[in-house]
N, C-alpha and C. Protein backbone atom coordinates (compact mmCIF):
# COMPACT_ATOMS: atom_id res chain seq x y z
N MET A 1 9.64 -9.31 -15.51
CA MET A 1 9.88 -8.45 -17.08
C MET A 1 11.85 -9.56 -17.72
N VAL A 2 11.56 -9.95 -18.26
CA VAL A 2 12.73 -9.85 -19.23
C VAL A 2 13.64 -9.60 -19.93
N GLU A 3 14.84 -9.92 -20.71
CA GLU A 3 15.29 -9.51 -21.69
C GLU A 3 14.66 -9.12 -22.71
N ASN A 4 15.06 -8.40 -24.00
CA ASN A 4 13.93 -8.80 -25.28
C ASN A 4 14.26 -10.05 -26.51
N ASN A 5 15.51 -10.39 -26.38
CA ASN A 5 15.75 -11.60 -26.99
C ASN A 5 15.13 -12.50 -26.67
N ALA A 6 13.62 -13.14 -27.05
CA ALA A 6 13.37 -14.48 -27.22
C ALA A 6 13.69 -15.40 -26.28
N ALA A 7 14.82 -15.77 -27.22
CA ALA A 7 15.87 -17.25 -27.75
C ALA A 7 16.67 -16.89 -26.05
N GLU A 8 17.27 -15.72 -26.16
CA GLU A 8 17.74 -15.94 -24.48
C GLU A 8 17.13 -16.32 -23.25
N VAL A 9 15.48 -15.81 -23.68
CA VAL A 9 14.68 -16.10 -22.19
C VAL A 9 14.37 -17.71 -22.18
N ASP A 10 14.54 -18.21 -23.37
CA ASP A 10 14.06 -19.57 -23.62
C ASP A 10 15.25 -20.38 -22.63
N ARG A 11 16.72 -19.45 -23.54
CA ARG A 11 18.04 -20.60 -22.82
C ARG A 11 17.58 -20.92 -21.12
N ASP A 12 17.61 -19.37 -20.53
CA ASP A 12 17.31 -19.17 -19.01
C ASP A 12 16.59 -19.96 -18.35
N LEU A 13 15.09 -19.59 -19.01
CA LEU A 13 14.00 -20.97 -18.16
C LEU A 13 14.41 -22.00 -18.34
N THR A 14 15.10 -22.70 -19.81
CA THR A 14 15.27 -23.88 -19.87
C THR A 14 16.53 -24.59 -18.21
N ALA A 15 17.35 -23.18 -18.47
CA ALA A 15 18.12 -23.70 -17.21
C ALA A 15 18.55 -23.28 -15.93
N GLY A 16 16.96 -22.90 -15.75
CA GLY A 16 16.74 -22.80 -14.32
C GLY A 16 17.52 -21.20 -13.33
N ARG A 17 17.17 -19.78 -14.53
CA ARG A 17 17.95 -18.94 -14.39
C ARG A 17 16.53 -18.16 -13.99
N VAL A 18 15.55 -18.09 -14.03
CA VAL A 18 14.23 -16.67 -13.78
C VAL A 18 13.46 -17.29 -12.31
N THR A 19 13.67 -16.46 -11.53
CA THR A 19 13.45 -16.47 -10.33
C THR A 19 12.12 -16.20 -10.34
N CYS A 20 11.04 -16.88 -9.72
CA CYS A 20 9.62 -16.55 -9.35
C CYS A 20 9.87 -15.11 -8.51
N PRO A 21 8.91 -14.46 -8.97
CA PRO A 21 8.80 -13.46 -8.76
C PRO A 21 7.74 -13.07 -7.34
N THR A 22 6.57 -14.60 -7.14
CA THR A 22 6.36 -14.97 -6.08
C THR A 22 6.46 -15.52 -4.66
N CYS A 23 7.32 -16.47 -5.04
CA CYS A 23 8.10 -16.91 -3.33
C CYS A 23 9.54 -17.01 -3.61
N ASP A 24 10.57 -16.95 -4.96
CA ASP A 24 11.66 -16.93 -5.20
C ASP A 24 12.13 -18.41 -5.92
N GLY A 25 11.37 -18.92 -5.54
CA GLY A 25 11.60 -20.44 -6.25
C GLY A 25 12.02 -20.39 -8.32
N VAL A 26 12.22 -20.99 -8.62
CA VAL A 26 13.10 -21.08 -9.77
C VAL A 26 11.82 -21.06 -10.97
N LEU A 27 11.28 -20.59 -12.41
CA LEU A 27 10.46 -21.15 -13.61
C LEU A 27 10.77 -21.42 -13.99
N GLY A 28 10.66 -22.94 -14.98
CA GLY A 28 10.62 -23.15 -16.01
C GLY A 28 9.85 -22.68 -17.21
N PRO A 29 10.05 -23.69 -18.51
CA PRO A 29 9.26 -22.95 -19.60
C PRO A 29 7.34 -23.72 -19.13
N TRP A 30 6.34 -23.02 -20.12
CA TRP A 30 5.46 -23.11 -19.69
C TRP A 30 4.55 -22.92 -21.18
N GLY A 31 4.93 -22.80 -21.71
CA GLY A 31 3.82 -22.56 -22.96
C GLY A 31 4.18 -20.89 -23.18
N TRP A 32 3.29 -20.15 -23.98
CA TRP A 32 3.31 -18.90 -24.57
C TRP A 32 1.76 -18.57 -24.09
N ALA A 33 2.22 -17.04 -24.40
CA ALA A 33 0.59 -16.52 -23.56
C ALA A 33 0.45 -16.20 -25.51
N ARG A 34 -1.18 -15.30 -25.13
CA ARG A 34 -2.20 -15.15 -26.42
C ARG A 34 -0.47 -13.57 -27.20
N ARG A 35 -0.85 -13.80 -28.76
CA ARG A 35 -0.25 -13.54 -29.28
C ARG A 35 -0.59 -11.80 -29.30
N ARG A 36 -0.15 -10.92 -29.51
CA ARG A 36 -0.30 -9.33 -29.45
C ARG A 36 0.36 -8.07 -30.38
N LEU A 37 -0.16 -7.59 -30.71
CA LEU A 37 0.79 -6.80 -31.47
C LEU A 37 0.94 -5.21 -30.79
N LEU A 38 2.36 -5.68 -31.06
CA LEU A 38 3.71 -3.98 -30.11
C LEU A 38 2.93 -2.75 -31.50
N ARG A 39 3.26 -1.81 -30.97
CA ARG A 39 3.29 -0.77 -31.95
C ARG A 39 4.42 -0.02 -31.36
N ARG A 40 5.41 -0.25 -32.64
CA ARG A 40 6.89 0.52 -32.33
C ARG A 40 6.78 2.17 -32.84
N ARG A 41 7.83 2.85 -32.81
CA ARG A 41 7.96 3.73 -33.52
C ARG A 41 8.89 3.16 -35.06
N ASP A 42 9.29 2.29 -35.48
CA ASP A 42 9.30 1.72 -36.85
C ASP A 42 8.59 0.40 -36.96
N GLY A 43 7.57 0.89 -36.51
CA GLY A 43 6.32 -0.11 -36.55
C GLY A 43 5.95 -1.03 -36.35
N SER A 44 4.89 -1.50 -36.37
CA SER A 44 4.86 -2.92 -35.08
C SER A 44 4.61 -4.25 -35.97
N VAL A 45 5.48 -4.96 -34.53
CA VAL A 45 5.15 -6.63 -34.52
C VAL A 45 4.39 -7.35 -33.41
N TRP A 46 4.15 -8.52 -33.84
CA TRP A 46 3.78 -9.11 -33.27
C TRP A 46 4.30 -10.30 -32.46
N LEU A 47 3.91 -9.93 -31.13
CA LEU A 47 4.94 -10.83 -30.23
C LEU A 47 4.07 -11.80 -29.14
N ARG A 48 4.68 -12.57 -28.49
CA ARG A 48 4.00 -13.74 -27.57
C ARG A 48 4.57 -13.90 -26.54
N PRO A 49 5.06 -13.63 -25.63
CA PRO A 49 5.29 -13.83 -24.91
C PRO A 49 5.38 -14.76 -23.98
N ARG A 50 6.73 -15.30 -23.47
CA ARG A 50 6.39 -16.67 -22.97
C ARG A 50 5.93 -16.94 -21.39
N ARG A 51 5.38 -17.53 -21.42
CA ARG A 51 5.50 -18.05 -19.88
C ARG A 51 6.46 -19.14 -19.21
N GLY A 52 6.28 -19.31 -18.12
CA GLY A 52 6.93 -19.53 -16.81
C GLY A 52 6.28 -20.24 -15.71
N ARG A 53 6.69 -21.71 -15.43
CA ARG A 53 5.77 -22.13 -14.33
C ARG A 53 6.64 -22.02 -12.80
N CYS A 54 6.74 -21.65 -11.78
CA CYS A 54 7.54 -22.22 -10.57
C CYS A 54 7.08 -23.32 -10.55
N ARG A 55 8.13 -23.99 -10.68
CA ARG A 55 8.95 -25.31 -9.63
C ARG A 55 8.26 -25.71 -8.41
N SER A 56 8.39 -24.43 -7.61
CA SER A 56 7.70 -24.62 -5.85
C SER A 56 6.80 -24.39 -5.67
N CYS A 57 6.18 -22.82 -6.04
CA CYS A 57 5.21 -22.57 -5.40
C CYS A 57 3.58 -23.22 -6.85
N GLY A 58 4.43 -23.44 -8.09
CA GLY A 58 3.45 -24.11 -8.78
C GLY A 58 2.43 -22.56 -9.24
N GLY A 59 3.13 -21.38 -9.17
CA GLY A 59 2.61 -20.20 -10.08
C GLY A 59 2.95 -20.28 -11.84
N THR A 60 2.05 -19.49 -12.56
CA THR A 60 2.98 -19.05 -13.56
C THR A 60 2.20 -18.17 -13.79
N HIS A 61 3.47 -16.83 -14.52
CA HIS A 61 3.19 -16.18 -15.02
C HIS A 61 3.88 -15.80 -16.25
N VAL A 62 3.33 -14.69 -17.13
CA VAL A 62 3.70 -14.08 -18.58
C VAL A 62 5.17 -13.81 -18.39
N LEU A 63 6.19 -13.62 -19.20
CA LEU A 63 7.43 -13.14 -18.99
C LEU A 63 7.62 -12.00 -20.41
N LEU A 64 7.13 -10.57 -19.52
CA LEU A 64 6.83 -9.96 -20.84
C LEU A 64 8.33 -9.43 -20.76
N PRO A 65 8.81 -8.54 -22.08
CA PRO A 65 9.99 -8.68 -22.32
C PRO A 65 9.99 -6.81 -21.97
N VAL A 66 10.87 -6.17 -21.37
CA VAL A 66 11.36 -4.53 -20.96
C VAL A 66 11.22 -3.58 -21.71
N ASP A 67 10.53 -3.37 -23.02
CA ASP A 67 10.93 -2.82 -23.76
C ASP A 67 8.96 -3.06 -23.94
N THR A 68 8.07 -3.02 -23.15
CA THR A 68 6.78 -3.03 -23.00
C THR A 68 6.10 -3.08 -21.31
N LEU A 69 4.69 -2.48 -21.70
CA LEU A 69 4.05 -2.51 -20.38
C LEU A 69 3.27 -2.94 -20.24
N VAL A 70 2.66 -3.43 -19.00
CA VAL A 70 2.10 -4.47 -18.86
C VAL A 70 0.32 -3.65 -19.64
N ARG A 71 -0.35 -4.56 -20.52
CA ARG A 71 -2.04 -4.28 -20.99
C ARG A 71 -1.58 -3.06 -21.64
N ARG A 72 -0.25 -2.62 -21.98
CA ARG A 72 -0.45 -1.54 -23.30
C ARG A 72 0.66 -2.07 -24.10
N ARG A 73 -0.09 -1.55 -25.30
CA ARG A 73 -0.13 -1.96 -27.06
C ARG A 73 0.87 -1.36 -26.96
N ASP A 74 1.70 -0.63 -26.90
CA ASP A 74 2.47 0.51 -27.39
C ASP A 74 4.12 0.24 -26.19
N GLU A 75 4.96 0.59 -27.26
CA GLU A 75 6.44 0.05 -26.84
C GLU A 75 6.76 1.40 -25.74
N VAL A 76 7.78 0.76 -24.22
CA VAL A 76 7.72 1.85 -23.65
C VAL A 76 8.39 3.18 -23.75
N ALA A 77 8.85 2.70 -24.76
CA ALA A 77 9.68 4.09 -25.82
C ALA A 77 9.02 5.29 -25.93
N VAL A 78 7.71 5.03 -26.61
CA VAL A 78 6.98 5.44 -27.55
C VAL A 78 6.00 6.17 -26.11
N ILE A 79 6.28 5.64 -25.29
CA ILE A 79 5.19 6.23 -24.18
C ILE A 79 5.67 7.26 -23.03
N GLY A 80 7.39 6.85 -23.04
CA GLY A 80 8.31 7.69 -22.87
C GLY A 80 8.40 8.95 -23.56
N ALA A 81 8.27 8.64 -24.91
CA ALA A 81 8.55 10.09 -25.07
C ALA A 81 7.24 10.85 -25.38
N ALA A 82 5.86 10.06 -25.24
CA ALA A 82 5.43 10.66 -25.39
C ALA A 82 4.86 11.56 -23.76
N LEU A 83 5.38 11.20 -22.88
CA LEU A 83 5.21 12.19 -21.61
C LEU A 83 6.36 13.01 -21.10
N VAL A 84 7.74 12.57 -22.14
CA VAL A 84 8.61 14.07 -22.15
C VAL A 84 8.18 14.81 -23.54
N ALA A 85 7.29 14.15 -23.95
CA ALA A 85 6.73 16.14 -24.81
C ALA A 85 5.62 16.64 -24.25
N TRP A 86 4.49 16.18 -23.41
CA TRP A 86 4.55 16.76 -22.45
C TRP A 86 4.39 17.86 -21.59
N LEU A 87 5.54 17.24 -21.16
CA LEU A 87 6.54 17.71 -20.08
C LEU A 87 6.81 19.38 -20.98
N GLY A 88 7.58 18.97 -21.62
CA GLY A 88 8.07 19.90 -22.62
C GLY A 88 6.53 21.08 -23.41
N GLY A 89 5.01 20.86 -23.07
CA GLY A 89 4.19 21.42 -22.93
C GLY A 89 3.26 21.45 -24.40
N ALA A 90 4.02 19.85 -25.14
CA ALA A 90 2.55 19.29 -25.48
C ALA A 90 1.71 19.34 -25.31
N GLY A 91 -0.01 19.16 -26.38
CA GLY A 91 -0.58 18.24 -25.75
C GLY A 91 -0.91 17.54 -26.41
N HIS A 92 -2.17 17.06 -25.93
CA HIS A 92 -1.89 15.13 -26.27
C HIS A 92 -2.40 15.05 -28.37
N ARG A 93 -2.93 16.02 -28.31
CA ARG A 93 -2.98 15.21 -29.98
C ARG A 93 -1.78 16.16 -30.51
N ARG A 94 -0.91 16.87 -30.66
CA ARG A 94 0.16 16.95 -30.96
C ARG A 94 1.34 15.84 -30.79
N ILE A 95 1.25 15.50 -29.25
CA ILE A 95 1.62 14.26 -29.25
C ILE A 95 1.73 12.88 -30.51
N ALA A 96 0.46 12.28 -30.82
CA ALA A 96 -0.40 11.74 -30.57
C ALA A 96 0.12 11.72 -32.17
N SER A 97 0.16 12.75 -33.56
CA SER A 97 0.30 13.26 -34.81
C SER A 97 1.72 13.36 -34.70
N GLY A 98 2.95 13.42 -33.61
CA GLY A 98 4.06 13.42 -34.12
C GLY A 98 4.77 11.76 -34.21
N LEU A 99 4.09 10.63 -33.06
CA LEU A 99 4.36 9.43 -32.49
C LEU A 99 3.02 8.44 -33.35
N GLY A 100 2.73 9.12 -34.42
CA GLY A 100 1.47 8.18 -35.19
C GLY A 100 0.68 7.01 -34.29
N VAL A 101 0.06 7.82 -33.09
CA VAL A 101 -0.54 6.80 -32.31
C VAL A 101 -2.72 8.07 -32.00
N PRO A 102 -3.37 7.61 -31.99
CA PRO A 102 -4.19 7.72 -31.56
C PRO A 102 -4.57 8.28 -30.40
N ALA A 103 -5.21 9.45 -30.83
CA ALA A 103 -4.74 10.81 -29.94
C ALA A 103 -5.66 10.68 -28.36
N ASP A 104 -6.96 9.53 -28.17
CA ASP A 104 -7.64 9.06 -27.38
C ASP A 104 -6.55 8.06 -26.60
N THR A 105 -5.88 7.49 -27.06
CA THR A 105 -4.43 6.19 -26.40
C THR A 105 -3.07 7.26 -25.92
N VAL A 106 -2.89 8.89 -26.36
CA VAL A 106 -2.06 8.95 -25.87
C VAL A 106 -2.79 10.02 -24.27
N ARG A 107 -3.90 10.88 -25.02
CA ARG A 107 -4.37 10.88 -23.59
C ARG A 107 -4.56 10.37 -22.48
N GLY A 108 -4.73 9.24 -22.63
CA GLY A 108 -4.87 8.30 -21.33
C GLY A 108 -3.50 7.49 -21.08
N TRP A 109 -2.85 7.39 -21.79
CA TRP A 109 -1.39 7.32 -21.26
C TRP A 109 -0.88 8.82 -20.14
N LEU A 110 -1.48 9.90 -20.23
CA LEU A 110 -1.10 10.74 -20.17
C LEU A 110 -2.19 11.34 -18.78
N ARG A 111 -3.43 10.77 -18.84
CA ARG A 111 -3.72 11.24 -17.92
C ARG A 111 -3.50 10.03 -16.34
N ARG A 112 -2.81 8.79 -16.93
CA ARG A 112 -2.58 7.62 -16.02
C ARG A 112 -1.49 8.38 -15.28
N PHE A 113 -0.67 9.02 -15.95
CA PHE A 113 0.78 9.17 -15.48
C PHE A 113 0.59 10.35 -14.84
N ALA A 114 -0.28 10.86 -14.67
CA ALA A 114 -0.30 12.27 -14.23
C ALA A 114 -1.09 11.48 -12.84
N VAL A 115 -2.19 10.65 -12.86
CA VAL A 115 -2.36 10.22 -11.10
C VAL A 115 -1.91 9.74 -10.22
N ARG A 116 -0.83 9.14 -11.23
CA ARG A 116 0.11 8.14 -11.02
C ARG A 116 1.56 8.67 -10.77
N ALA A 117 1.71 9.89 -10.35
CA ALA A 117 2.58 10.49 -10.51
C ALA A 117 4.06 10.80 -9.08
N GLU A 118 3.08 10.94 -8.28
CA GLU A 118 3.77 11.06 -6.86
C GLU A 118 4.31 9.30 -6.69
N ASP A 119 3.21 8.11 -6.79
CA ASP A 119 3.82 7.38 -6.59
C ASP A 119 5.39 6.72 -7.13
N VAL A 120 5.06 7.15 -8.52
CA VAL A 120 6.36 6.67 -9.26
C VAL A 120 7.53 8.07 -9.42
N ARG A 121 7.14 8.79 -8.04
CA ARG A 121 8.38 9.91 -7.58
C ARG A 121 9.28 8.92 -7.03
N VAL A 122 8.11 8.51 -5.49
CA VAL A 122 8.33 7.90 -4.76
C VAL A 122 9.36 7.06 -4.64
N HIS A 123 8.68 6.20 -5.83
CA HIS A 123 8.86 4.64 -6.02
C HIS A 123 10.91 4.97 -7.10
N PHE A 124 11.08 5.50 -7.89
CA PHE A 124 12.37 5.97 -8.48
C PHE A 124 13.58 7.14 -7.35
N TRP A 125 12.51 7.98 -6.46
CA TRP A 125 13.43 8.32 -5.48
C TRP A 125 13.95 7.05 -4.23
N ARG A 126 13.61 6.14 -3.87
CA ARG A 126 14.00 5.04 -3.21
C ARG A 126 14.97 4.49 -3.86
N LEU A 127 14.81 4.11 -5.60
CA LEU A 127 15.60 3.33 -6.21
C LEU A 127 17.01 4.19 -6.01
N ALA A 128 16.79 5.14 -6.65
CA ALA A 128 17.69 6.13 -6.82
C ALA A 128 18.89 6.06 -5.13
N HIS A 129 18.06 5.73 -3.97
CA HIS A 129 19.13 5.77 -3.17
C HIS A 129 19.86 5.17 -2.58
N ARG A 130 18.68 3.75 -3.09
CA ARG A 130 19.60 2.08 -2.70
C ARG A 130 20.64 2.34 -3.78
N LEU A 131 20.51 2.83 -5.47
CA LEU A 131 21.68 2.26 -6.01
C LEU A 131 22.62 3.02 -5.66
N ASP A 132 22.85 4.24 -5.36
CA ASP A 132 23.71 5.26 -4.97
C ASP A 132 23.22 6.05 -4.01
N ALA A 133 23.95 5.41 -2.40
CA ALA A 133 23.81 6.04 -0.99
C ALA A 133 23.53 7.35 -0.39
N SER A 134 25.11 7.50 -1.82
CA SER A 134 25.61 9.56 -1.75
C SER A 134 24.89 10.21 -2.19
N LEU A 135 23.68 9.76 -2.75
CA LEU A 135 22.67 10.99 -3.41
C LEU A 135 22.62 11.82 -2.04
N GLY A 136 22.26 13.29 -2.44
CA GLY A 136 21.37 14.26 -2.23
C GLY A 136 19.79 13.94 -2.10
N ALA A 137 19.68 14.83 -2.04
CA ALA A 137 17.72 15.17 -1.76
C ALA A 137 17.92 14.95 -4.11
N ILE A 138 16.41 14.50 -3.91
CA ILE A 138 16.20 14.72 -5.47
C ILE A 138 15.49 16.29 -5.23
N GLU A 139 16.31 17.49 -6.90
CA GLU A 139 15.55 18.68 -6.16
C GLU A 139 14.00 19.08 -7.28
N PRO A 140 12.89 19.80 -6.38
CA PRO A 140 11.72 19.53 -6.72
C PRO A 140 11.58 20.54 -8.15
N ARG A 141 11.00 19.79 -9.57
CA ARG A 141 11.09 20.64 -10.97
C ARG A 141 9.61 20.85 -10.80
N GLY A 142 8.83 21.65 -9.85
CA GLY A 142 7.80 22.38 -10.11
C GLY A 142 6.53 21.76 -10.26
N SER A 143 6.56 20.49 -10.84
CA SER A 143 5.55 20.01 -10.83
C SER A 143 5.23 18.06 -10.42
N GLN A 144 4.71 17.23 -10.20
CA GLN A 144 3.89 16.49 -9.87
C GLN A 144 4.73 15.40 -10.82
N VAL A 145 4.75 15.64 -12.15
CA VAL A 145 4.83 14.99 -13.21
C VAL A 145 5.60 15.18 -14.02
N ALA A 146 6.85 16.24 -13.40
CA ALA A 146 7.85 16.75 -13.34
C ALA A 146 9.14 16.56 -12.44
N ASP A 147 8.51 16.07 -11.26
CA ASP A 147 8.65 16.01 -10.43
C ASP A 147 9.35 14.40 -10.03
N ALA A 148 8.62 13.75 -10.84
CA ALA A 148 8.53 12.46 -11.20
C ALA A 148 9.70 11.67 -12.26
N LEU A 149 9.08 12.40 -13.59
CA LEU A 149 10.36 12.46 -14.50
C LEU A 149 11.70 12.80 -13.49
N GLU A 150 11.98 14.01 -12.71
CA GLU A 150 13.30 13.74 -12.15
C GLU A 150 14.12 12.83 -11.87
N ALA A 151 12.84 12.48 -10.92
CA ALA A 151 13.15 10.83 -10.46
C ALA A 151 13.48 9.69 -11.30
N ILE A 152 12.53 9.55 -11.88
CA ILE A 152 13.78 8.24 -13.11
C ILE A 152 14.95 8.64 -13.53
N GLY A 153 15.01 10.01 -14.13
CA GLY A 153 15.90 10.64 -14.63
C GLY A 153 16.89 9.73 -13.80
N VAL A 154 17.04 10.57 -12.04
CA VAL A 154 18.29 10.22 -11.58
C VAL A 154 18.39 8.99 -11.08
N ALA A 155 17.77 8.11 -11.08
CA ALA A 155 16.88 6.90 -10.86
C ALA A 155 18.40 5.57 -12.26
N ALA A 156 18.20 6.44 -12.96
CA ALA A 156 18.62 5.48 -14.15
C ALA A 156 20.01 5.67 -13.67
N ALA A 157 20.20 6.99 -13.64
CA ALA A 157 21.51 7.58 -13.90
C ALA A 157 22.65 6.95 -12.83
N ALA A 158 21.57 6.32 -12.03
CA ALA A 158 22.72 5.90 -10.83
C ALA A 158 22.49 4.92 -11.08
N ALA A 159 21.85 3.88 -11.75
CA ALA A 159 22.23 2.76 -12.36
C ALA A 159 23.03 2.78 -13.31
N VAL A 160 23.32 3.14 -13.76
CA VAL A 160 24.50 3.77 -14.94
C VAL A 160 25.96 3.13 -14.15
N ARG A 161 26.01 4.36 -13.42
CA ARG A 161 27.18 4.07 -12.69
C ARG A 161 27.61 2.65 -11.73
N ARG A 162 26.22 2.79 -11.30
CA ARG A 162 26.63 1.26 -10.67
C ARG A 162 26.63 -0.09 -11.20
N PHE A 163 26.14 -0.15 -12.42
CA PHE A 163 26.28 -1.27 -13.24
C PHE A 163 26.49 -1.25 -14.23
N GLY A 164 27.20 -0.22 -15.02
CA GLY A 164 27.23 0.52 -16.50
C GLY A 164 26.45 0.60 -17.34
N PRO A 165 26.24 1.02 -18.34
CA PRO A 165 25.34 0.82 -19.44
C PRO A 165 24.71 -0.21 -19.99
N ALA A 166 23.86 -0.65 -19.85
CA ALA A 166 22.23 -1.57 -20.06
C ALA A 166 21.05 -1.47 -20.24
N GLY A 167 21.05 -0.90 -22.09
CA GLY A 167 19.81 -0.93 -22.69
C GLY A 167 19.13 0.96 -22.09
N SER A 168 18.19 0.77 -23.00
CA SER A 168 17.65 2.27 -23.28
C SER A 168 17.07 2.38 -21.91
N LEU A 169 16.56 4.08 -21.67
CA LEU A 169 16.13 4.67 -20.13
C LEU A 169 14.67 3.85 -20.22
N TRP A 170 14.02 3.84 -21.28
CA TRP A 170 12.49 3.41 -20.93
C TRP A 170 12.29 1.41 -20.74
N ALA A 171 13.56 1.05 -21.01
CA ALA A 171 13.28 -0.67 -20.90
C ALA A 171 13.97 -0.74 -19.31
N PHE A 172 14.62 0.44 -18.28
CA PHE A 172 14.74 0.57 -17.16
C PHE A 172 13.71 0.72 -16.55
N VAL A 173 12.66 1.56 -16.95
CA VAL A 173 11.46 2.68 -16.22
C VAL A 173 10.70 0.83 -16.03
N SER A 174 10.86 -0.17 -17.34
CA SER A 174 9.50 -0.58 -17.20
C SER A 174 9.99 -1.74 -15.88
N GLY A 175 11.16 -2.28 -16.59
CA GLY A 175 12.25 -3.20 -15.85
C GLY A 175 11.34 -3.11 -14.24
N ALA A 176 12.28 -1.63 -13.62
CA ALA A 176 12.07 -1.42 -12.64
C ALA A 176 10.66 -1.47 -12.17
N THR A 177 9.61 -1.01 -12.87
CA THR A 177 8.19 -1.12 -12.93
C THR A 177 7.18 -2.29 -12.67
N GLY A 178 8.42 -3.22 -13.30
CA GLY A 178 7.53 -4.94 -13.49
C GLY A 178 6.59 -4.56 -14.53
N GLY A 179 6.96 -3.80 -15.41
CA GLY A 179 6.02 -3.15 -16.64
C GLY A 179 4.85 -2.17 -15.99
N ARG A 180 4.30 -2.36 -14.56
CA ARG A 180 3.01 -1.64 -14.43
C ARG A 180 3.35 0.01 -13.81
N LEU A 181 4.53 0.73 -15.15
CA LEU A 181 4.26 2.12 -15.25
C LEU A 181 2.90 2.58 -14.84
N LEU A 182 1.65 2.16 -15.54
CA LEU A 182 1.02 3.23 -16.81
C LEU A 182 -0.67 2.23 -15.75
N CYS A 183 -0.36 1.29 -14.60
CA CYS A 183 -1.08 0.48 -14.27
C CYS A 183 -1.98 1.39 -13.10
N ASN A 184 -3.53 1.02 -13.26
CA ASN A 184 -4.53 1.33 -12.79
C ASN A 184 -3.40 1.10 -10.68
N THR A 185 -4.53 2.15 -10.14
CA THR A 185 -4.02 2.08 -9.04
C THR A 185 -4.28 0.51 -8.08
N SER A 186 -4.96 -0.82 -8.37
CA SER A 186 -4.38 -1.30 -7.79
C SER A 186 -3.36 -2.39 -8.35
N CYS A 187 -2.73 -2.18 -8.44
CA CYS A 187 -1.73 -2.29 -9.32
C CYS A 187 -0.29 -1.56 -9.15
N PRO A 188 -0.02 -2.30 -7.73
CA PRO A 188 1.32 -1.47 -6.67
C PRO A 188 2.92 -2.23 -7.60
N TYR A 189 3.67 -1.40 -7.77
CA TYR A 189 4.95 -1.22 -8.01
C TYR A 189 6.03 -2.73 -7.44
N LEU A 190 6.72 -2.84 -7.33
CA LEU A 190 7.59 -3.76 -6.34
C LEU A 190 7.61 -3.18 -5.32
N VAL A 191 8.06 -3.84 -4.80
CA VAL A 191 8.27 -3.04 -3.90
C VAL A 191 9.85 -3.19 -2.93
N LEU A 192 10.13 -2.22 -2.41
CA LEU A 192 11.53 -1.87 -2.58
C LEU A 192 11.78 -2.01 -0.96
N ASP A 193 11.92 -2.44 -0.16
CA ASP A 193 12.21 -2.83 1.03
C ASP A 193 12.96 -3.47 1.34
N GLY A 194 14.11 -4.43 0.48
CA GLY A 194 15.32 -4.95 0.76
C GLY A 194 16.72 -4.32 -0.19
N PRO A 195 17.69 -5.10 -0.08
CA PRO A 195 18.56 -4.28 -0.40
C PRO A 195 18.28 -4.28 -2.52
N VAL A 196 18.69 -3.53 -3.32
CA VAL A 196 18.87 -3.38 -4.94
C VAL A 196 19.12 -4.70 -5.15
N THR A 197 19.00 -5.76 -5.93
CA THR A 197 19.52 -6.75 -7.21
C THR A 197 19.23 -6.65 -7.98
N LEU A 198 19.59 -5.38 -8.46
CA LEU A 198 18.99 -5.63 -10.69
C LEU A 198 20.14 -6.44 -10.89
N THR A 199 19.44 -7.20 -12.28
CA THR A 199 20.40 -7.32 -13.38
C THR A 199 20.64 -7.10 -14.90
N ARG A 200 21.40 -6.71 -15.10
CA ARG A 200 21.60 -6.27 -16.64
C ARG A 200 21.18 -7.21 -17.46
N THR A 201 20.35 -6.85 -18.26
CA THR A 201 20.16 -7.39 -19.44
C THR A 201 20.25 -6.75 -20.63
């Protein structure tokens, strides 16, 4: 995941400031991925993500901006708004109407998040405690979905305390999951075994 400014991403790639997620080598420019339409609250935009190739292992990677999720046509902030509305008791049809998104699409997001809720909770609980070792237990909220969203909020607050404000909540979520918040079960999150070294975008 990279920042949303395509010109800055280009500069970082050319200057060797983007790390390979596979081997920690350096990525260089390697063309672009296919164009895709990204639906946002304020209208749709065409997006053509940059590709990078590792100078060490030779692997290539699509560099998605942090306002997107892997294999999703909608901006992560729109998906996040749907999750929050769902927690507040709204059904998928009402959420879809409010966001201007097909009802089946919203239902798919909610079902996928429900399946992944425990993974999300554990991931963000670990991230929160790596960002702020003084944190105590995260209070349960009564359901797996509510617990997952609570852990996201606690981790985001810990990131702000440690690094200062750096973009939106849902861009943080996308970056912290490598864009895989709603991936299927064969698409794991980043492994948090070592120290956290998040960079500001």
